[in-house]
Amino acid sequence: MIRALVLAGALLATGVQAQDYQSAPPRRTAVAKDWGPWLGPYRDRLVPVLMEDFGERYLYAPANAALPPPRTGERRVVFLGDSITDRWNLAGSFPGQPYVNRGIGGQVTAQLLLRFYPDVVALRPAAVVILAGVNDVQGVLQQETPEQIEEHWQAMADIADAHGIAVVFGALLPVNDYTPAARDVVRERKPAELRTLNAWLRDFCRRRGYAFADYPAVLSDDRGMMRRDLTADGIHPLAAGYALMAPVARAAIDRALARPSTRKP
């Protein structure tokens, strides 16, 4: 009691009020940007929702609750990612396999990290296939450095390791600007940065012993861009693109599952 009175007196004597103390620096003010006729309305609609649930964990919550635990001997695989994963018909590419799609269009790696427990760990998969980062590079949701993207990848891998889940990382897909619908893609999605991130990710997988799905090896043309016949918008694969990606993913999953399991009981 005496100590509290002494402290209060000291604060009054110096004119400092306890509620005025703040450790963090002031927040910066965002600079207004014209996102164009499509991205502008998209952001206007999305941002209020993200203020309530930045990871958009609510989207798969009902499906997760309805999904039973893996059967004995079942090797469930969760595909986690953005719209490239969301649009992948896993049942068509991997018939009969217990593969679960947890892709959400427009997401960045920070959101995947927030979803990793409910959308991956809670489903008790044998492996996870992570494919995300191209939206981070565009910066439509938040500005990120390559190092921050790499930190998010590493954090997801650390969580998977802690729960005995085998890890597969998919390389970021190449892009192109070959059609009117793709005219801004190369400028926004920065192919050189995508290649640099892929080089880091390949080395990270090598160092950690993870499987690496090298999608660009089967999707790229002689310029290093996505083949014209495999995409309409310069970003998302058409059915022919997914048909080329499926064997690459399958081989990487097989490699990941061949490693001794470290799953905790």
Protein backbone atom coordinates (compact mmCIF):
# COMPACT_ATOMS: atom_id res chain seq x y z
CA MET A 1 0.00 0.00 0.00
CA ILE A 2 2.75 2.43 1.00
CA ARG A 3 4.73 1.56 -2.13
CA ALA A 4 1.72 2.26 -4.34
CA LEU A 5 1.15 5.64 -2.70
CA VAL A 6 4.80 6.56 -3.17
CA LEU A 7 4.65 5.59 -6.87
CA ALA A 8 1.44 7.56 -7.41
CA GLY A 9 2.99 10.57 -5.74
CA ALA A 10 6.04 10.33 -7.95
CA LEU A 11 3.90 10.24 -11.06
CA LEU A 12 1.92 13.27 -9.95
CA ALA A 13 5.09 15.09 -9.09
CA THR A 14 6.48 14.61 -12.59
CA GLY A 15 3.17 15.31 -14.31
CA VAL A 16 3.18 11.86 -15.96
CA GLN A 17 -0.10 9.97 -16.12
CA ALA A 18 0.13 6.17 -16.30
CA GLN A 19 -2.47 5.95 -19.05
CA ASP A 20 -0.32 8.17 -21.27
CA TYR A 21 2.50 5.62 -21.49
CA GLN A 22 2.89 3.91 -24.88
CA SER A 23 5.67 1.58 -25.95
CA ALA A 24 4.88 1.27 -29.67
CA PRO A 25 5.68 4.11 -32.08
CA PRO A 26 2.73 5.86 -33.74
CA ARG A 27 1.12 4.03 -36.63
CA ARG A 28 1.97 5.30 -40.07
CA THR A 29 -0.70 6.68 -42.38
CA ALA A 30 -1.36 4.65 -45.51
CA VAL A 31 -0.85 6.42 -48.81
CA ALA A 32 -3.95 6.31 -51.01
CA LYS A 33 -3.49 4.25 -54.16
CA ASP A 34 -5.61 3.75 -57.23
CA TRP A 35 -6.06 0.00 -57.48
CA GLY A 36 -7.98 0.17 -60.73
CA PRO A 37 -11.50 -0.81 -61.79
CA TRP A 38 -11.25 -4.43 -60.60
CA LEU A 39 -8.86 -4.44 -57.63
CA GLY A 40 -10.35 -1.28 -56.14
CA PRO A 41 -13.87 -2.70 -55.59
CA TYR A 42 -12.32 -6.04 -54.60
CA ARG A 43 -10.33 -4.40 -51.81
CA ASP A 44 -13.28 -2.27 -50.73
CA ARG A 45 -15.37 -5.39 -50.29
CA LEU A 46 -12.66 -7.52 -48.69
CA VAL A 47 -10.95 -5.20 -46.19
CA PRO A 48 -13.93 -4.83 -43.78
CA VAL A 49 -14.20 -8.63 -43.62
CA LEU A 50 -10.48 -8.98 -42.94
CA MET A 51 -10.78 -6.52 -40.07
CA GLU A 52 -13.03 -9.12 -38.40
CA ASP A 53 -11.06 -12.24 -39.38
CA PHE A 54 -7.80 -11.52 -41.19
CA GLY A 55 -7.09 -15.19 -41.83
CA GLU A 56 -10.65 -15.83 -43.07
CA ARG A 57 -10.74 -18.89 -40.84
CA TYR A 58 -14.52 -18.84 -40.93
CA LEU A 59 -14.60 -20.00 -44.56
CA TYR A 60 -13.61 -23.63 -43.96
CA ALA A 61 -14.81 -23.89 -40.36
CA PRO A 62 -18.03 -25.82 -41.24
CA ALA A 63 -16.19 -28.17 -43.61
CA ASN A 64 -13.50 -28.81 -41.00
CA ALA A 65 -16.10 -29.60 -38.35
CA ALA A 66 -17.81 -32.05 -40.70
CA LEU A 67 -14.62 -33.82 -41.79
CA PRO A 68 -14.08 -37.03 -39.80
CA PRO A 69 -10.62 -37.97 -38.53
CA PRO A 70 -8.44 -39.95 -40.92
CA ARG A 71 -9.20 -43.66 -40.95
CA THR A 72 -6.57 -46.07 -39.74
CA GLY A 73 -3.88 -46.22 -42.39
CA GLU A 74 -5.26 -43.23 -44.31
CA ARG A 75 -2.60 -40.81 -45.53
CA ARG A 76 -4.55 -37.58 -45.72
CA VAL A 77 -2.90 -34.67 -47.53
CA VAL A 78 -4.03 -31.05 -47.16
CA PHE A 79 -3.37 -28.63 -50.01
CA LEU A 80 -3.01 -25.15 -48.50
CA GLY A 81 -2.83 -22.07 -50.67
CA ASP A 82 -4.46 -19.23 -52.55
CA SER A 83 -6.66 -19.23 -55.65
CA ILE A 84 -4.28 -21.47 -57.59
CA THR A 85 -4.96 -24.17 -55.01
CA ASP A 86 -8.62 -23.18 -54.59
CA ARG A 87 -9.26 -23.76 -58.30
CA TRP A 88 -7.48 -27.13 -58.36
CA ASN A 89 -9.94 -30.00 -58.70
CA LEU A 90 -8.04 -32.44 -56.51
CA ALA A 91 -10.57 -35.24 -56.96
CA GLY A 92 -10.08 -34.99 -60.72
CA SER A 93 -6.28 -34.82 -60.55
CA PHE A 94 -5.86 -37.42 -57.80
CA PRO A 95 -8.85 -39.78 -58.01
CA GLY A 96 -9.44 -41.91 -54.97
CA GLN A 97 -6.90 -40.08 -52.83
CA PRO A 98 -7.82 -38.57 -49.43
CA TYR A 99 -6.67 -35.11 -50.44
CA VAL A 100 -8.31 -32.04 -48.91
CA ASN A 101 -8.39 -28.63 -50.60
CA ARG A 102 -7.94 -25.65 -48.29
CA GLY A 103 -7.20 -22.95 -50.85
CA ILE A 104 -8.69 -19.45 -50.59
CA GLY A 105 -8.47 -16.99 -53.45
CA GLY A 106 -6.49 -13.80 -52.91
CA GLN A 107 -4.75 -14.92 -49.72
CA VAL A 108 -1.19 -14.11 -48.72
CA THR A 109 1.22 -16.21 -46.68
CA ALA A 110 0.43 -14.35 -43.44
CA GLN A 111 -3.17 -15.50 -43.75
CA LEU A 112 -2.13 -19.09 -44.42
CA LEU A 113 -0.05 -18.95 -41.27
CA LEU A 114 -3.13 -17.89 -39.28
CA ARG A 115 -5.12 -20.73 -40.84
CA PHE A 116 -2.49 -23.39 -40.34
CA TYR A 117 -3.90 -24.78 -37.10
CA PRO A 118 -7.61 -24.99 -38.00
CA ASP A 119 -7.18 -25.83 -41.68
CA VAL A 120 -4.16 -28.14 -41.47
CA VAL A 121 -3.09 -29.33 -38.00
CA ALA A 122 -6.64 -29.97 -36.76
CA LEU A 123 -7.33 -32.22 -39.77
CA ARG A 124 -4.44 -34.52 -38.80
CA PRO A 125 -2.95 -34.96 -42.27
CA ALA A 126 0.09 -37.05 -43.05
CA ALA A 127 1.38 -34.26 -45.28
CA VAL A 128 0.67 -30.68 -46.31
CA VAL A 129 1.29 -29.14 -49.73
CA ILE A 130 1.90 -25.39 -49.40
CA LEU A 131 1.65 -23.15 -52.46
CA ALA A 132 1.44 -19.40 -51.86
CA GLY A 133 3.38 -16.17 -52.20
CA VAL A 134 2.47 -14.71 -55.57
CA ASN A 135 -0.19 -12.46 -53.99
CA ASP A 136 2.38 -11.29 -51.44
CA VAL A 137 4.63 -10.19 -54.29
CA GLN A 138 1.84 -8.16 -55.86
CA GLY A 139 1.19 -6.42 -52.53
CA VAL A 140 -2.52 -6.01 -53.07
CA LEU A 141 -3.31 -6.88 -49.45
CA GLN A 142 -0.16 -5.82 -47.60
CA GLN A 143 3.36 -4.73 -48.48
CA GLU A 144 5.94 -7.45 -47.80
CA THR A 145 9.61 -7.98 -48.39
CA PRO A 146 10.92 -11.29 -49.73
CA GLU A 147 12.39 -11.94 -46.28
CA GLN A 148 8.96 -11.63 -44.66
CA ILE A 149 7.47 -14.09 -47.14
CA GLU A 150 10.30 -16.51 -46.36
CA GLU A 151 9.65 -16.10 -42.63
CA HIS A 152 6.01 -17.05 -43.13
CA TRP A 153 7.01 -20.16 -45.10
CA GLN A 154 9.44 -21.12 -42.38
CA ALA A 155 6.87 -20.57 -39.61
CA MET A 156 4.36 -22.86 -41.35
CA ALA A 157 7.04 -25.50 -41.79
CA ASP A 158 7.97 -25.23 -38.11
CA ILE A 159 4.35 -25.84 -37.08
CA ALA A 160 4.12 -28.82 -39.42
CA ASP A 161 7.35 -30.26 -38.01
CA ALA A 162 6.10 -29.84 -34.45
CA HIS A 163 3.03 -31.93 -35.31
CA GLY A 164 4.76 -34.61 -37.37
CA ILE A 165 3.25 -33.46 -40.68
CA ALA A 166 5.38 -34.08 -43.75
CA VAL A 167 5.99 -30.90 -45.76
CA VAL A 168 5.79 -30.27 -49.48
CA PHE A 169 6.42 -26.77 -50.81
CA GLY A 170 5.23 -25.91 -54.28
CA ALA A 171 7.34 -23.49 -56.28
CA LEU A 172 5.63 -20.25 -57.22
CA LEU A 173 4.18 -20.58 -60.69
CA PRO A 174 5.50 -18.54 -63.59
CA VAL A 175 3.28 -15.78 -64.95
CA ASN A 176 2.88 -14.08 -68.32
CA ASP A 177 1.32 -11.04 -70.00
CA TYR A 178 0.48 -12.60 -73.34
CA THR A 179 -3.25 -11.78 -73.42
CA PRO A 180 -5.29 -8.62 -72.82
CA ALA A 181 -6.55 -10.15 -69.58
CA ALA A 182 -2.93 -10.54 -68.42
CA ARG A 183 -1.57 -7.18 -69.55
CA ASP A 184 -0.60 -5.99 -66.04
CA VAL A 185 0.44 -9.33 -64.58
CA VAL A 186 4.18 -9.23 -65.27
CA ARG A 187 4.47 -5.68 -63.98
CA GLU A 188 2.56 -6.53 -60.77
CA ARG A 189 3.78 -10.07 -60.12
CA LYS A 190 7.49 -9.41 -60.82
CA PRO A 191 8.87 -12.63 -62.43
CA ALA A 192 12.43 -11.90 -61.27
CA GLU A 193 11.27 -11.76 -57.66
CA LEU A 194 9.27 -14.96 -58.08
CA ARG A 195 12.38 -16.72 -59.38
CA THR A 196 14.47 -15.39 -56.49
CA LEU A 197 11.91 -16.61 -53.97
CA ASN A 198 11.79 -20.01 -55.66
CA ALA A 199 15.57 -20.30 -55.44
CA TRP A 200 15.39 -19.57 -51.71
CA LEU A 201 12.53 -22.03 -51.26
CA ARG A 202 14.32 -24.80 -53.14
CA ASP A 203 17.39 -24.36 -50.93
CA PHE A 204 15.23 -24.19 -47.79
CA CYS A 205 13.61 -27.50 -48.73
CA ARG A 206 17.01 -29.04 -49.37
CA ARG A 207 18.32 -27.90 -45.99
CA ARG A 208 15.23 -29.04 -44.11
CA GLY A 209 14.69 -32.27 -46.05
CA TYR A 210 11.27 -31.22 -47.39
CA ALA A 211 9.89 -32.19 -50.78
CA PHE A 212 9.91 -29.47 -53.43
CA ALA A 213 7.35 -29.48 -56.24
CA ASP A 214 9.00 -27.73 -59.17
CA TYR A 215 5.94 -26.57 -61.10
CA PRO A 216 7.79 -24.03 -63.27
CA ALA A 217 9.79 -26.88 -64.80
CA VAL A 218 6.65 -28.12 -66.56
CA LEU A 219 4.74 -24.85 -67.02
CA SER A 220 7.40 -22.47 -68.37
CA ASP A 221 8.11 -21.53 -71.96
CA ASP A 222 11.55 -20.70 -73.35
CA ARG A 223 11.29 -17.18 -71.85
CA GLY A 224 10.63 -18.47 -68.35
CA MET A 225 6.99 -17.33 -68.51
CA MET A 226 3.93 -19.54 -68.17
CA ARG A 227 3.12 -21.12 -71.51
CA ARG A 228 0.48 -19.23 -73.47
CA ASP A 229 -1.71 -22.32 -73.84
CA LEU A 230 -1.80 -23.05 -70.11
CA THR A 231 -3.45 -19.86 -68.79
CA ALA A 232 -6.02 -17.30 -69.86
CA ASP A 233 -5.17 -14.56 -67.36
CA GLY A 234 -1.40 -14.99 -67.00
CA ILE A 235 -1.65 -16.34 -63.43
CA HIS A 236 -4.08 -19.22 -63.03
CA PRO A 237 -3.53 -22.51 -64.84
CA LEU A 238 -6.18 -23.91 -67.12
CA ALA A 239 -7.07 -27.60 -66.92
CA ALA A 240 -4.07 -28.41 -69.11
CA GLY A 241 -1.80 -26.64 -66.63
CA TYR A 242 -3.16 -28.53 -63.65
CA ALA A 243 -2.74 -31.75 -65.63
CA LEU A 244 0.97 -30.99 -65.87
CA MET A 245 1.21 -29.98 -62.21
CA ALA A 246 -0.48 -33.11 -60.85
CA PRO A 247 2.37 -35.60 -61.53
CA VAL A 248 4.86 -33.11 -60.05
CA ALA A 249 2.76 -32.79 -56.89
CA ARG A 250 2.22 -36.55 -56.71
CA ALA A 251 5.94 -37.30 -56.91
CA ALA A 252 6.70 -34.68 -54.23
CA ILE A 253 4.02 -36.07 -51.93
CA ASP A 254 5.41 -39.58 -52.37
CA ARG A 255 8.88 -38.32 -51.46
CA ALA A 256 7.56 -36.52 -48.39
CA LEU A 257 5.57 -39.52 -47.16
CA ALA A 258 8.53 -41.83 -47.69
CA ARG A 259 10.33 -40.10 -44.84
CA PRO A 260 9.92 -41.70 -41.39
CA SER A 261 6.90 -40.20 -39.62
CA THR A 262 7.49 -38.01 -36.58
CA ARG A 263 3.79 -37.63 -35.78
CA LYS A 264 3.10 -37.34 -32.08
CA PRO A 265 0.39 -39.54 -30.62
